[in-house]
C-alpha atoms as a PDB file:
ATOM      1  CA  MET A   1     262.967 108.121 -76.190  1.00  0.00           C
ATOM      2  CA  PRO A   2     260.343 108.733 -78.909  1.00  0.00           C
ATOM      3  CA  THR A   3     257.935 105.884 -79.522  1.00  0.00           C
ATOM      4  CA  VAL A   4     257.551 104.915 -83.181  1.00  0.00           C
ATOM      5  CA  PRO A   5     255.750 102.021 -84.930  1.00  0.00           C
ATOM      6  CA  SER A   6     257.857  98.961 -85.698  1.00  0.00           C
ATOM      7  CA  SER A   7     256.822  98.731 -89.329  1.00  0.00           C
ATOM      8  CA  ALA A   8     259.584  99.664 -91.754  1.00  0.00           C
ATOM      9  CA  THR A   9     256.945 100.698 -94.263  1.00  0.00           C
ATOM     10  CA  ASP A  10     255.078 103.026 -91.935  1.00  0.00           C
ATOM     11  CA  ALA A  11     257.667 104.149 -89.397  1.00  0.00           C
ATOM     12  CA  GLY A  12     256.656 107.170 -87.418  1.00  0.00           C
ATOM     13  CA  GLY A  13     253.538 107.580 -89.534  1.00  0.00           C
ATOM     14  CA  VAL A  14     255.707 108.356 -92.598  1.00  0.00           C
ATOM     15  CA  GLU A  15     255.403 106.063 -95.591  1.00  0.00           C
ATOM     16  CA  ILE A  16     258.761 104.606 -96.639  1.00  0.00           C
ATOM     17  CA  ASP A  17     258.578 103.419-100.219  1.00  0.00           C
ATOM     18  CA  TYR A  18     261.907 102.012-101.402  1.00  0.00           C
ATOM     19  CA  GLY A  19     260.521 101.956-104.923  1.00  0.00           C
ATOM     20  CA  ALA A  20     260.889 105.758-104.830  1.00  0.00           C
ATOM     21  CA  PRO A  21     264.390 106.326-103.389  1.00  0.00           C
ATOM     22  CA  GLU A  22     264.091 110.096-102.998  1.00  0.00           C
ATOM     23  CA  SER A  23     260.857 109.734-101.045  1.00  0.00           C
ATOM     24  CA  ALA A  24     262.342 106.917 -98.953  1.00  0.00           C
ATOM     25  CA  VAL A  25     265.369 109.007 -97.974  1.00  0.00           C
ATOM     26  CA  ALA A  26     263.110 111.983 -97.179  1.00  0.00           C
ATOM     27  CA  ALA A  27     260.887 109.769 -95.016  1.00  0.00           C
ATOM     28  CA  LEU A  28     263.862 108.419 -93.070  1.00  0.00           C
ATOM     29  CA  LYS A  29     265.212 111.939 -92.590  1.00  0.00           C
ATOM     30  CA  ASP A  30     261.791 113.054 -91.324  1.00  0.00           C
ATOM     31  CA  LEU A  31     261.791 110.120 -88.914  1.00  0.00           C
ATOM     32  CA  VAL A  32     265.172 111.191 -87.510  1.00  0.00           C
ATOM     33  CA  ASP A  33     264.149 114.857 -87.336  1.00  0.00           C
ATOM     34  CA  ALA A  34     260.959 114.008 -85.457  1.00  0.00           C
ATOM     35  CA  ALA A  35     262.774 111.745 -83.013  1.00  0.00           C
ATOM     36  CA  LEU A  36     265.430 114.389 -82.311  1.00  0.00           C
ATOM     37  CA  ALA A  37     262.695 116.955 -81.647  1.00  0.00           C
ATOM     38  CA  GLU A  38     261.008 114.581 -79.198  1.00  0.00           C
ATOM     39  CA  LEU A  39     264.108 113.807 -77.146  1.00  0.00           C
ATOM     40  CA  HIS A  40     263.482 114.795 -73.544  1.00  0.00           C
ATOM     41  CA  LEU A  41     266.112 117.194 -72.295  1.00  0.00           C
ATOM     42  CA  PRO A  42     266.179 118.772 -68.842  1.00  0.00           C
ATOM     43  CA  ASP A  43     265.176 122.412 -68.497  1.00  0.00           C
ATOM     44  CA  ALA A  44     267.947 123.426 -66.125  1.00  0.00           C
ATOM     45  CA  PRO A  45     270.578 124.621 -66.194  1.00  0.00           C
ATOM     46  CA  GLU A  46     269.278 126.577 -69.152  1.00  0.00           C
ATOM     47  CA  ALA A  47     272.804 127.763 -69.981  1.00  0.00           C
ATOM     48  CA  LEU A  48     273.628 124.165 -70.990  1.00  0.00           C
ATOM     49  CA  TYR A  49     270.405 122.827 -72.472  1.00  0.00           C
ATOM     50  CA  GLU A  50     269.437 125.874 -74.536  1.00  0.00           C
ATOM     51  CA  PRO A  51     272.542 125.549 -76.770  1.00  0.00           C
ATOM     52  CA  VAL A  52     272.054 121.751 -76.911  1.00  0.00           C
ATOM     53  CA  ARG A  53     268.519 122.262 -78.236  1.00  0.00           C
ATOM     54  CA  TYR A  54     269.856 124.894 -80.631  1.00  0.00           C
ATOM     55  CA  VAL A  55     272.344 122.418 -82.090  1.00  0.00           C
ATOM     56  CA  LEU A  56     269.862 119.564 -82.428  1.00  0.00           C
ATOM     57  CA  ALA A  57     267.352 121.855 -84.153  1.00  0.00           C
ATOM     58  CA  GLY A  58     269.855 122.657 -86.919  1.00  0.00           C
ATOM     59  CA  GLN A  59     268.672 121.500 -90.330  1.00  0.00           C
ATOM     60  CA  GLY A  60     271.341 119.017 -91.370  1.00  0.00           C
ATOM     61  CA  LYS A  61     271.104 116.472 -94.192  1.00  0.00           C
ATOM     62  CA  ARG A  62     270.922 113.589 -91.624  1.00  0.00           C
ATOM     63  CA  LEU A  63     273.056 111.592 -94.042  1.00  0.00           C
ATOM     64  CA  ARG A  64     274.723 109.442 -91.384  1.00  0.00           C
ATOM     65  CA  PRO A  65     271.583 108.223 -89.581  1.00  0.00           C
ATOM     66  CA  VAL A  66     269.901 107.559 -92.926  1.00  0.00           C
ATOM     67  CA  PHE A  67     272.893 105.420 -93.989  1.00  0.00           C
ATOM     68  CA  LEU A  68     272.558 103.463 -90.743  1.00  0.00           C
ATOM     69  CA  LEU A  69     268.801 102.958 -91.089  1.00  0.00           C
ATOM     70  CA  LEU A  70     269.178 101.728 -94.669  1.00  0.00           C
ATOM     71  CA  ALA A  71     271.909  99.247 -93.716  1.00  0.00           C
ATOM     72  CA  ALA A  72     269.912  97.970 -90.740  1.00  0.00           C
ATOM     73  CA  ASP A  73     266.743  97.523 -92.796  1.00  0.00           C
ATOM     74  CA  ALA A  74     268.693  95.686 -95.502  1.00  0.00           C
ATOM     75  CA  PHE A  75     269.677  93.095 -92.910  1.00  0.00           C
ATOM     76  CA  GLY A  76     266.313  92.656 -91.252  1.00  0.00           C
ATOM     77  CA  THR A  77     266.041  95.381 -88.609  1.00  0.00           C
ATOM     78  CA  PRO A  78     263.357  98.003 -89.396  1.00  0.00           C
ATOM     79  CA  PRO A  79     263.952 101.734 -88.870  1.00  0.00           C
ATOM     80  CA  ALA A  80     262.011 101.895 -85.615  1.00  0.00           C
ATOM     81  CA  SER A  81     264.285  99.305 -83.997  1.00  0.00           C
ATOM     82  CA  ALA A  82     267.460 100.914 -85.358  1.00  0.00           C
ATOM     83  CA  LEU A  83     266.396 104.450 -84.446  1.00  0.00           C
ATOM     84  CA  PRO A  84     268.298 104.732 -81.124  1.00  0.00           C
ATOM     85  CA  ALA A  85     271.599 103.969 -82.881  1.00  0.00           C
ATOM     86  CA  ALA A  86     270.699 106.318 -85.748  1.00  0.00           C
ATOM     87  CA  LEU A  87     270.064 109.128 -83.286  1.00  0.00           C
ATOM     88  CA  ALA A  88     273.335 108.290 -81.529  1.00  0.00           C
ATOM     89  CA  VAL A  89     275.411 108.819 -84.667  1.00  0.00           C
ATOM     90  CA  GLU A  90     273.588 112.047 -85.555  1.00  0.00           C
ATOM     91  CA  VAL A  91     274.026 113.459 -82.048  1.00  0.00           C
ATOM     92  CA  PHE A  92     277.683 112.411 -82.074  1.00  0.00           C
ATOM     93  CA  HIS A  93     278.186 114.067 -85.477  1.00  0.00           C
ATOM     94  CA  ASN A  94     276.745 117.286 -84.066  1.00  0.00           C
ATOM     95  CA  PHE A  95     279.117 117.064 -81.107  1.00  0.00           C
ATOM     96  CA  THR A  96     282.074 116.943 -83.516  1.00  0.00           C
ATOM     97  CA  LEU A  97     280.738 119.984 -85.385  1.00  0.00           C
ATOM     98  CA  VAL A  98     280.439 122.050 -82.204  1.00  0.00           C
ATOM     99  CA  HIS A  99     284.039 121.310 -81.207  1.00  0.00           C
ATOM    100  CA  ASP A 100     285.361 121.574 -84.782  1.00  0.00           C
ATOM    101  CA  ASP A 101     283.831 125.046 -85.047  1.00  0.00           C
ATOM    102  CA  ILE A 102     285.760 126.110 -81.954  1.00  0.00           C
ATOM    103  CA  MET A 103     289.043 124.788 -83.344  1.00  0.00           C
ATOM    104  CA  ASP A 104     288.385 126.261 -86.792  1.00  0.00           C
ATOM    105  CA  HIS A 105     287.230 129.630 -85.389  1.00  0.00           C
ATOM    106  CA  ALA A 106     284.104 129.253 -87.549  1.00  0.00           C
ATOM    107  CA  ASP A 107     281.424 131.923 -87.221  1.00  0.00           C
ATOM    108  CA  THR A 108     278.523 130.126 -88.889  1.00  0.00           C
ATOM    109  CA  ARG A 109     277.209 126.606 -89.272  1.00  0.00           C
ATOM    110  CA  ARG A 110     274.214 125.695 -91.453  1.00  0.00           C
ATOM    111  CA  GLY A 111     273.442 129.364 -91.937  1.00  0.00           C
ATOM    112  CA  ARG A 112     273.332 130.159 -88.206  1.00  0.00           C
ATOM    113  CA  PRO A 113     275.887 131.481 -85.703  1.00  0.00           C
ATOM    114  CA  THR A 114     278.028 128.703 -84.214  1.00  0.00           C
ATOM    115  CA  VAL A 115     277.551 127.871 -80.547  1.00  0.00           C
ATOM    116  CA  HIS A 116     280.783 129.515 -79.389  1.00  0.00           C
ATOM    117  CA  VAL A 117     279.798 132.698 -81.250  1.00  0.00           C
ATOM    118  CA  ARG A 118     276.182 132.840 -80.088  1.00  0.00           C
ATOM    119  CA  TRP A 119     277.177 131.975 -76.521  1.00  0.00           C
ATOM    120  CA  ASP A 120     280.882 131.552 -75.710  1.00  0.00           C
ATOM    121  CA  THR A 121     283.683 128.994 -75.993  1.00  0.00           C
ATOM    122  CA  ASP A 122     283.211 127.495 -72.532  1.00  0.00           C
ATOM    123  CA  THR A 123     279.509 126.942 -73.221  1.00  0.00           C
ATOM    124  CA  ALA A 124     280.309 125.337 -76.582  1.00  0.00           C
ATOM    125  CA  ILE A 125     282.785 122.931 -74.996  1.00  0.00           C
ATOM    126  CA  LEU A 126     280.234 121.855 -72.391  1.00  0.00           C
ATOM    127  CA  CYS A 127     277.502 121.607 -75.021  1.00  0.00           C
ATOM    128  CA  GLY A 128     279.711 119.315 -77.098  1.00  0.00           C
ATOM    129  CA  ASP A 129     280.639 117.227 -74.082  1.00  0.00           C
ATOM    130  CA  TYR A 130     276.973 116.719 -73.251  1.00  0.00           C
ATOM    131  CA  LEU A 131     276.158 115.748 -76.843  1.00  0.00           C
ATOM    132  CA  MET A 132     278.892 113.114 -76.805  1.00  0.00           C
ATOM    133  CA  ALA A 133     277.537 111.640 -73.554  1.00  0.00           C
ATOM    134  CA  LEU A 134     274.016 111.705 -74.996  1.00  0.00           C
ATOM    135  CA  SER A 135     275.193 109.809 -78.087  1.00  0.00           C
ATOM    136  CA  TYR A 136     276.442 106.938 -75.919  1.00  0.00           C
ATOM    137  CA  ASP A 137     273.216 106.970 -73.912  1.00  0.00           C
ATOM    138  CA  LEU A 138     271.177 106.696 -77.106  1.00  0.00           C
ATOM    139  CA  LEU A 139     273.325 103.891 -78.474  1.00  0.00           C
ATOM    140  CA  ALA A 140     272.893 102.015 -75.186  1.00  0.00           C
ATOM    141  CA  ARG A 141     269.138 101.911 -75.853  1.00  0.00           C
ATOM    142  CA  SER A 142     269.735  99.430 -78.664  1.00  0.00           C
ATOM    143  CA  GLU A 143     268.989  95.739 -78.225  1.00  0.00           C
ATOM    144  CA  ALA A 144     271.016  94.526 -75.234  1.00  0.00           C
ATOM    145  CA  GLN A 145     272.588  91.457 -76.830  1.00  0.00           C
ATOM    146  CA  ARG A 146     274.071  93.601 -79.607  1.00  0.00           C
ATOM    147  CA  LEU A 147     275.489  96.289 -77.346  1.00  0.00           C
ATOM    148  CA  PRO A 148     279.053  94.973 -76.823  1.00  0.00           C
ATOM    149  CA  ARG A 149     279.869  94.975 -80.549  1.00  0.00           C
ATOM    150  CA  LEU A 150     277.973  98.216 -81.131  1.00  0.00           C
ATOM    151  CA  MET A 151     279.882  99.964 -78.356  1.00  0.00           C
ATOM    152  CA  ARG A 152     283.227  98.607 -79.521  1.00  0.00           C
ATOM    153  CA  SER A 153     282.621  99.800 -83.081  1.00  0.00           C
ATOM    154  CA  PHE A 154     281.409 103.199 -81.867  1.00  0.00           C
ATOM    155  CA  SER A 155     284.417 103.679 -79.599  1.00  0.00           C
ATOM    156  CA  GLU A 156     286.844 102.740 -82.384  1.00  0.00           C
ATOM    157  CA  MET A 157     285.193 105.415 -84.515  1.00  0.00           C
ATOM    158  CA  VAL A 158     285.750 108.002 -81.776  1.00  0.00           C
ATOM    159  CA  THR A 159     289.434 107.062 -81.646  1.00  0.00           C
ATOM    160  CA  HIS A 160     289.812 107.376 -85.422  1.00  0.00           C
ATOM    161  CA  LEU A 161     288.045 110.726 -85.473  1.00  0.00           C
ATOM    162  CA  CYS A 162     290.325 112.094 -82.771  1.00  0.00           C
ATOM    163  CA  GLU A 163     293.337 110.864 -84.746  1.00  0.00           C
ATOM    164  CA  GLY A 164     292.000 112.455 -87.914  1.00  0.00           C
ATOM    165  CA  GLN A 165     291.293 115.781 -86.262  1.00  0.00           C
ATOM    166  CA  THR A 166     294.801 115.776 -84.778  1.00  0.00           C
ATOM    167  CA  LEU A 167     296.275 115.195 -88.236  1.00  0.00           C
ATOM    168  CA  ASP A 168     294.055 117.907 -89.691  1.00  0.00           C
ATOM    169  CA  LYS A 169     295.291 120.426 -87.126  1.00  0.00           C
ATOM    170  CA  ALA A 170     298.906 119.358 -87.686  1.00  0.00           C
ATOM    171  CA  PHE A 171     298.484 120.009 -91.416  1.00  0.00           C
ATOM    172  CA  GLU A 172     297.918 123.691 -90.649  1.00  0.00           C
ATOM    173  CA  THR A 173     301.615 124.171 -89.855  1.00  0.00           C
ATOM    174  CA  ASP A 174     303.102 121.386 -91.978  1.00  0.00           C
ATOM    175  CA  GLU A 175     304.139 122.837 -95.338  1.00  0.00           C
ATOM    176  CA  ALA A 176     304.885 119.452 -96.949  1.00  0.00           C
ATOM    177  CA  VAL A 177     301.529 117.653 -96.806  1.00  0.00           C
ATOM    178  CA  THR A 178     300.890 115.249 -99.708  1.00  0.00           C
ATOM    179  CA  VAL A 179     297.630 114.197-101.334  1.00  0.00           C
ATOM    180  CA  GLU A 180     298.107 110.696 -99.898  1.00  0.00           C
ATOM    181  CA  GLN A 181     298.518 112.103 -96.387  1.00  0.00           C
ATOM    182  CA  TYR A 182     295.351 114.107 -96.895  1.00  0.00           C
ATOM    183  CA  LEU A 183     293.433 111.021 -97.977  1.00  0.00           C
ATOM    184  CA  HIS A 184     294.686 109.164 -94.901  1.00  0.00           C
ATOM    185  CA  MET A 185     293.451 112.033 -92.748  1.00  0.00           C
ATOM    186  CA  ILE A 186     289.951 112.091 -94.248  1.00  0.00           C
ATOM    187  CA  ASP A 187     289.787 108.315 -93.850  1.00  0.00           C
ATOM    188  CA  ARG A 188     290.084 109.013 -90.120  1.00  0.00           C
ATOM    189  CA  LYS A 189     287.358 111.675 -90.193  1.00  0.00           C
ATOM    190  CA  THR A 190     284.635 111.578 -92.865  1.00  0.00           C
ATOM    191  CA  GLY A 191     285.439 107.991 -93.817  1.00  0.00           C
ATOM    192  CA  ALA A 192     285.524 106.704 -90.247  1.00  0.00           C
ATOM    193  CA  LEU A 193     282.045 108.002 -89.484  1.00  0.00           C
ATOM    194  CA  LEU A 194     280.416 106.711 -92.685  1.00  0.00           C
ATOM    195  CA  ARG A 195     282.253 103.398 -92.348  1.00  0.00           C
ATOM    196  CA  THR A 196     281.021 102.981 -88.786  1.00  0.00           C
ATOM    197  CA  VAL A 197     277.393 103.959 -89.366  1.00  0.00           C
ATOM    198  CA  LEU A 198     277.063 101.289 -92.057  1.00  0.00           C
ATOM    199  CA  GLU A 199     278.778  98.754 -89.820  1.00  0.00           C
ATOM    200  CA  LEU A 200     276.422  99.638 -86.962  1.00  0.00           C
ATOM    201  CA  GLY A 201     273.453  99.115 -89.265  1.00  0.00           C
ATOM    202  CA  GLY A 202     274.777  95.692 -90.230  1.00  0.00           C
ATOM    203  CA  LEU A 203     275.437  94.790 -86.605  1.00  0.00           C
ATOM    204  CA  LEU A 204     271.881  95.731 -85.690  1.00  0.00           C
ATOM    205  CA  GLY A 205     270.711  93.333 -88.375  1.00  0.00           C
ATOM    206  CA  SER A 206     271.897  89.904 -89.387  1.00  0.00           C
ATOM    207  CA  ALA A 207     274.995  90.826 -91.430  1.00  0.00           C
ATOM    208  CA  THR A 208     277.799  88.264 -91.470  1.00  0.00           C
ATOM    209  CA  ASP A 209     281.417  89.253 -90.857  1.00  0.00           C
ATOM    210  CA  ALA A 210     282.056  89.286 -94.614  1.00  0.00           C
ATOM    211  CA  GLN A 211     279.024  91.481 -95.164  1.00  0.00           C
ATOM    212  CA  LEU A 212     280.131  93.824 -92.387  1.00  0.00           C
ATOM    213  CA  ASP A 213     283.492  94.127 -94.103  1.00  0.00           C
ATOM    214  CA  ALA A 214     281.737  95.033 -97.355  1.00  0.00           C
ATOM    215  CA  LEU A 215     279.654  97.670 -95.559  1.00  0.00           C
ATOM    216  CA  ARG A 216     282.822  99.172 -94.075  1.00  0.00           C
ATOM    217  CA  ARG A 217     284.365  99.348 -97.554  1.00  0.00           C
ATOM    218  CA  VAL A 218     281.255 101.085 -98.864  1.00  0.00           C
ATOM    219  CA  GLY A 219     281.507 103.674 -96.099  1.00  0.00           C
ATOM    220  CA  ALA A 220     285.236 104.254 -96.488  1.00  0.00           C
ATOM    221  CA  SER A 221     284.995 104.853-100.247  1.00  0.00           C
ATOM    222  CA  ALA A 222     281.839 106.951 -99.938  1.00  0.00           C
ATOM    223  CA  GLY A 223     283.625 109.009 -97.285  1.00  0.00           C
ATOM    224  CA  ARG A 224     286.471 109.851 -99.650  1.00  0.00           C
ATOM    225  CA  ALA A 225     284.031 110.716-102.432  1.00  0.00           C
ATOM    226  CA  PHE A 226     281.931 112.884-100.125  1.00  0.00           C
ATOM    227  CA  GLN A 227     284.880 114.859 -98.737  1.00  0.00           C
ATOM    228  CA  ILE A 228     286.563 115.465-102.099  1.00  0.00           C
ATOM    229  CA  GLN A 229     283.221 116.597-103.541  1.00  0.00           C
ATOM    230  CA  ASP A 230     282.892 118.917-100.540  1.00  0.00           C
ATOM    231  CA  ASP A 231     286.354 120.341-101.261  1.00  0.00           C
ATOM    232  CA  LEU A 232     285.402 120.864-104.905  1.00  0.00           C
ATOM    233  CA  LEU A 233     282.072 122.505-104.120  1.00  0.00           C
ATOM    234  CA  ASP A 234     283.780 124.896-101.731  1.00  0.00           C
ATOM    235  CA  LEU A 235     285.383 126.454-104.804  1.00  0.00           C
ATOM    236  CA  ILE A 236     282.776 126.027-107.552  1.00  0.00           C
ATOM    237  CA  ALA A 237     279.363 125.951-105.824  1.00  0.00           C
ATOM    238  CA  ASP A 238     276.731 128.632-106.180  1.00  0.00           C
ATOM    239  CA  GLY A 239     277.214 130.881-103.158  1.00  0.00           C
ATOM    240  CA  GLU A 240     273.553 131.188-102.206  1.00  0.00           C
ATOM    241  CA  ARG A 241     272.880 127.446-102.352  1.00  0.00           C
ATOM    242  CA  TRP A 242     276.219 126.548-100.748  1.00  0.00           C
ATOM    243  CA  GLY A 243     275.392 128.530 -97.630  1.00  0.00           C
ATOM    244  CA  LYS A 244     279.065 129.385 -97.016  1.00  0.00           C
ATOM    245  CA  THR A 245     281.645 131.679 -98.536  1.00  0.00           C
ATOM    246  CA  VAL A 246     282.716 130.234-101.900  1.00  0.00           C
ATOM    247  CA  GLY A 247     286.470 129.663-101.767  1.00  0.00           C
ATOM    248  CA  GLY A 248     286.394 129.712 -97.979  1.00  0.00           C
ATOM    249  CA  ASP A 249     288.949 126.904 -97.727  1.00  0.00           C
ATOM    250  CA  LEU A 250     291.501 128.844 -99.771  1.00  0.00           C
ATOM    251  CA  ILE A 251     290.746 132.049 -97.883  1.00  0.00           C
ATOM    252  CA  GLU A 252     291.568 130.186 -94.666  1.00  0.00           C
ATOM    253  CA  GLY A 253     294.609 128.499 -96.241  1.00  0.00           C
ATOM    254  CA  LYS A 254     293.242 124.990 -95.641  1.00  0.00           C
ATOM    255  CA  LYS A 255     295.124 122.152 -97.275  1.00  0.00           C
ATOM    256  CA  THR A 256     292.333 120.461 -99.187  1.00  0.00           C
ATOM    257  CA  PHE A 257     292.444 117.909-101.991  1.00  0.00           C
ATOM    258  CA  LEU A 258     292.353 120.775-104.518  1.00  0.00           C
ATOM    259  CA  LEU A 259     295.201 122.831-103.086  1.00  0.00           C
ATOM    260  CA  LEU A 260     297.438 119.798-102.582  1.00  0.00           C
ATOM    261  CA  GLN A 261     296.740 118.611-106.126  1.00  0.00           C
ATOM    262  CA  ALA A 262     297.664 122.076-107.413  1.00  0.00           C
ATOM    263  CA  LEU A 263     300.943 122.044-105.492  1.00  0.00           C
ATOM    264  CA  GLU A 264     301.822 118.589-106.838  1.00  0.00           C
ATOM    265  CA  ARG A 265     300.923 119.461-110.443  1.00  0.00           C
ATOM    266  CA  ALA A 266     302.329 122.981-110.748  1.00  0.00           C
ATOM    267  CA  ASP A 267     305.911 124.066-111.223  1.00  0.00           C
ATOM    268  CA  GLY A 268     307.826 127.317-111.569  1.00  0.00           C
ATOM    269  CA  ALA A 269     305.835 130.512-111.103  1.00  0.00           C
ATOM    270  CA  GLU A 270     302.559 128.590-111.019  1.00  0.00           C
ATOM    271  CA  ARG A 271     303.689 126.514-108.058  1.00  0.00           C
ATOM    272  CA  ALA A 272     305.021 129.605-106.309  1.00  0.00           C
ATOM    273  CA  TRP A 273     301.567 131.191-106.648  1.00  0.00           C
ATOM    274  CA  PHE A 274     299.911 128.272-104.862  1.00  0.00           C
ATOM    275  CA  ALA A 275     302.750 127.935-102.347  1.00  0.00           C
ATOM    276  CA  ARG A 276     301.872 131.461-101.271  1.00  0.00           C
ATOM    277  CA  VAL A 277     298.494 130.167-100.081  1.00  0.00           C
ATOM    278  CA  VAL A 278     300.363 127.988 -97.582  1.00  0.00           C
ATOM    279  CA  GLU A 279     303.001 130.554 -96.672  1.00  0.00           C
ATOM    280  CA  ASP A 280     300.538 133.410 -96.179  1.00  0.00           C
ATOM    281  CA  ARG A 281     297.909 131.185 -94.539  1.00  0.00           C
ATOM    282  CA  GLY A 282     295.298 131.945 -97.165  1.00  0.00           C
ATOM    283  CA  LEU A 283     294.158 134.137-100.043  1.00  0.00           C
ATOM    284  CA  SER A 284     292.104 137.296-100.089  1.00  0.00           C
ATOM    285  CA  PRO A 285     288.489 136.854-101.297  1.00  0.00           C
ATOM    286  CA  ASP A 286     289.160 138.767-104.507  1.00  0.00           C
ATOM    287  CA  GLU A 287     291.864 136.233-105.465  1.00  0.00           C
ATOM    288  CA  ILE A 288     289.453 133.266-105.479  1.00  0.00           C
ATOM    289  CA  PRO A 289     288.372 133.609-109.139  1.00  0.00           C
ATOM    290  CA  GLU A 290     292.037 133.581-110.208  1.00  0.00           C
ATOM    291  CA  ALA A 291     292.737 130.527-108.023  1.00  0.00           C
ATOM    292  CA  ARG A 292     289.800 128.728-109.651  1.00  0.00           C
ATOM    293  CA  GLU A 293     291.061 129.576-113.149  1.00  0.00           C
ATOM    294  CA  ARG A 294     294.597 128.438-112.344  1.00  0.00           C
ATOM    295  CA  MET A 295     293.331 125.166-110.857  1.00  0.00           C
ATOM    296  CA  ASP A 296     291.135 124.574-113.881  1.00  0.00           C
ATOM    297  CA  ARG A 297     294.123 125.042-116.229  1.00  0.00           C
ATOM    298  CA  LEU A 298     296.166 122.582-114.171  1.00  0.00           C
ATOM    299  CA  GLY A 299     293.419 119.962-114.366  1.00  0.00           C
ATOM    300  CA  VAL A 300     292.829 120.051-110.622  1.00  0.00           C
ATOM    301  CA  LEU A 301     289.053 120.441-110.869  1.00  0.00           C
ATOM    302  CA  ASP A 302     288.810 117.542-113.306  1.00  0.00           C
ATOM    303  CA  ALA A 303     291.089 115.461-111.055  1.00  0.00           C
ATOM    304  CA  ALA A 304     288.707 116.071-108.158  1.00  0.00           C
ATOM    305  CA  ARG A 305     285.694 115.086-110.263  1.00  0.00           C
ATOM    306  CA  THR A 306     287.505 111.949-111.414  1.00  0.00           C
ATOM    307  CA  ALA A 307     288.416 111.018-107.831  1.00  0.00           C
ATOM    308  CA  VAL A 308     284.805 111.472-106.695  1.00  0.00           C
ATOM    309  CA  ALA A 309     283.612 109.227-109.515  1.00  0.00           C
ATOM    310  CA  ARG A 310     286.309 106.614-108.796  1.00  0.00           C
ATOM    311  CA  TYR A 311     285.630 106.351-105.067  1.00  0.00           C
ATOM    312  CA  SER A 312     281.878 106.335-105.669  1.00  0.00           C
ATOM    313  CA  ALA A 313     282.355 103.447-108.120  1.00  0.00           C
ATOM    314  CA  THR A 314     284.436 101.580-105.529  1.00  0.00           C
ATOM    315  CA  ALA A 315     281.608 102.018-103.016  1.00  0.00           C
ATOM    316  CA  MET A 316     279.151 100.667-105.594  1.00  0.00           C
ATOM    317  CA  SER A 317     281.353  97.643-106.255  1.00  0.00           C
ATOM    318  CA  ALA A 318     281.383  96.807-102.558  1.00  0.00           C
ATOM    319  CA  LEU A 319     277.599  97.209-102.458  1.00  0.00           C
ATOM    320  CA  ASP A 320     277.290  94.772-105.348  1.00  0.00           C
ATOM    321  CA  THR A 321     278.731  91.996-103.160  1.00  0.00           C
ATOM    322  CA  LEU A 322     275.818  92.277-100.719  1.00  0.00           C
ATOM    323  CA  PRO A 323     272.450  90.505-101.023  1.00  0.00           C
ATOM    324  CA  GLU A 324     269.890  92.400-103.081  1.00  0.00           C
ATOM    325  CA  HIS A 325     267.518  94.468-100.963  1.00  0.00           C
ATOM    326  CA  PRO A 326     265.401  97.546-101.750  1.00  0.00           C
ATOM    327  CA  ALA A 327     267.099  99.463 -98.901  1.00  0.00           C
ATOM    328  CA  LEU A 328     270.509  98.857-100.490  1.00  0.00           C
ATOM    329  CA  GLN A 329     269.149 100.028-103.838  1.00  0.00           C
ATOM    330  CA  THR A 330     268.153 103.235-102.075  1.00  0.00           C
ATOM    331  CA  LEU A 331     271.624 103.468-100.527  1.00  0.00           C
ATOM    332  CA  ARG A 332     273.104 103.077-104.014  1.00  0.00           C
ATOM    333  CA  TRP A 333     270.850 105.899-105.270  1.00  0.00           C
ATOM    334  CA  LEU A 334     271.873 108.102-102.337  1.00  0.00           C
ATOM    335  CA  ILE A 335     275.593 107.643-102.985  1.00  0.00           C
ATOM    336  CA  ARG A 336     275.070 108.600-106.645  1.00  0.00           C
ATOM    337  CA  ARG A 337     273.070 111.625-105.505  1.00  0.00           C
ATOM    338  CA  LEU A 338     275.891 112.725-103.213  1.00  0.00           C
ATOM    339  CA  GLN A 339     278.373 112.361-106.058  1.00  0.00           C
ATOM    340  CA  ALA A 340     276.283 114.644-108.268  1.00  0.00           C
ATOM    341  CA  ARG A 341     275.272 117.203-105.633  1.00  0.00           C
ATOM    342  CA  HIS A 342     275.811 120.918-106.163  1.00  0.00           C
ATOM    343  CA  HIS A 343     275.592 122.103-102.532  1.00  0.00           C
END
């Protein structure tokens, strides 16, 4: 495990100044990146550990470990002490991406070939399995007296994520999915992970049960906002900055917040046009501009923006119930930044 200084203001040799939220988040991300790079992995068998290193070297936003480190620091545990748990959630998140890419038949991830494409499906499954085991090993390096509650929370998250992924796959063949069902599903996926990382941060610190509940509410609402914004950006983002095919969800026929809103709002010929996305399992790339125009006329894009703002505000309200701390001010800034992001 990497060795880092215990000071929250000079962790890993990187200055963390909560008076400058953007710099603070960048410093925490750098801390996580450096620690991931310093993890000792065996050399053999190379067929397993080469793809593991490949995954961990991917340039993600590190949003989840940063959330955890901010929550922990807000309740008295500096980043260095919370780092094992932060690495655990980031490694676990990467495990889910490796297996999700297999199930989604995705060719790229973060601008690089996915593991099952660069190697093969069997290798990707084993790589993901190892990453999941590694996440538990990292979490177990946290302070011993806190481990039972940390492990219980982490395992509940795994259960919820499996439930959410099962629902997500079932939606592929269910032609009658509602917006509410979709929200329930993302609560089990994006929401479950953000909810748990904030809870883990509180558990590592001195958060009371009421404060832990508030942290969970922050994560659940931020999770909804993050996923709906992701759905929106899939259709309206700048292609080069987005790093994926714009309109990719509609091309694949995925039932996102936008498509389900369109189906609930449209009628007659307009509804039949969007129903075809479900029936034909997707649109052709040249139909994406028309889909965007139709959704805009129906108010779907504005509905998504409104939902992102509403769930972000709910997260802020839950944050307001917690004791004032510079780390929580930075968390508040980060949630606003996610709401306004363009890629």
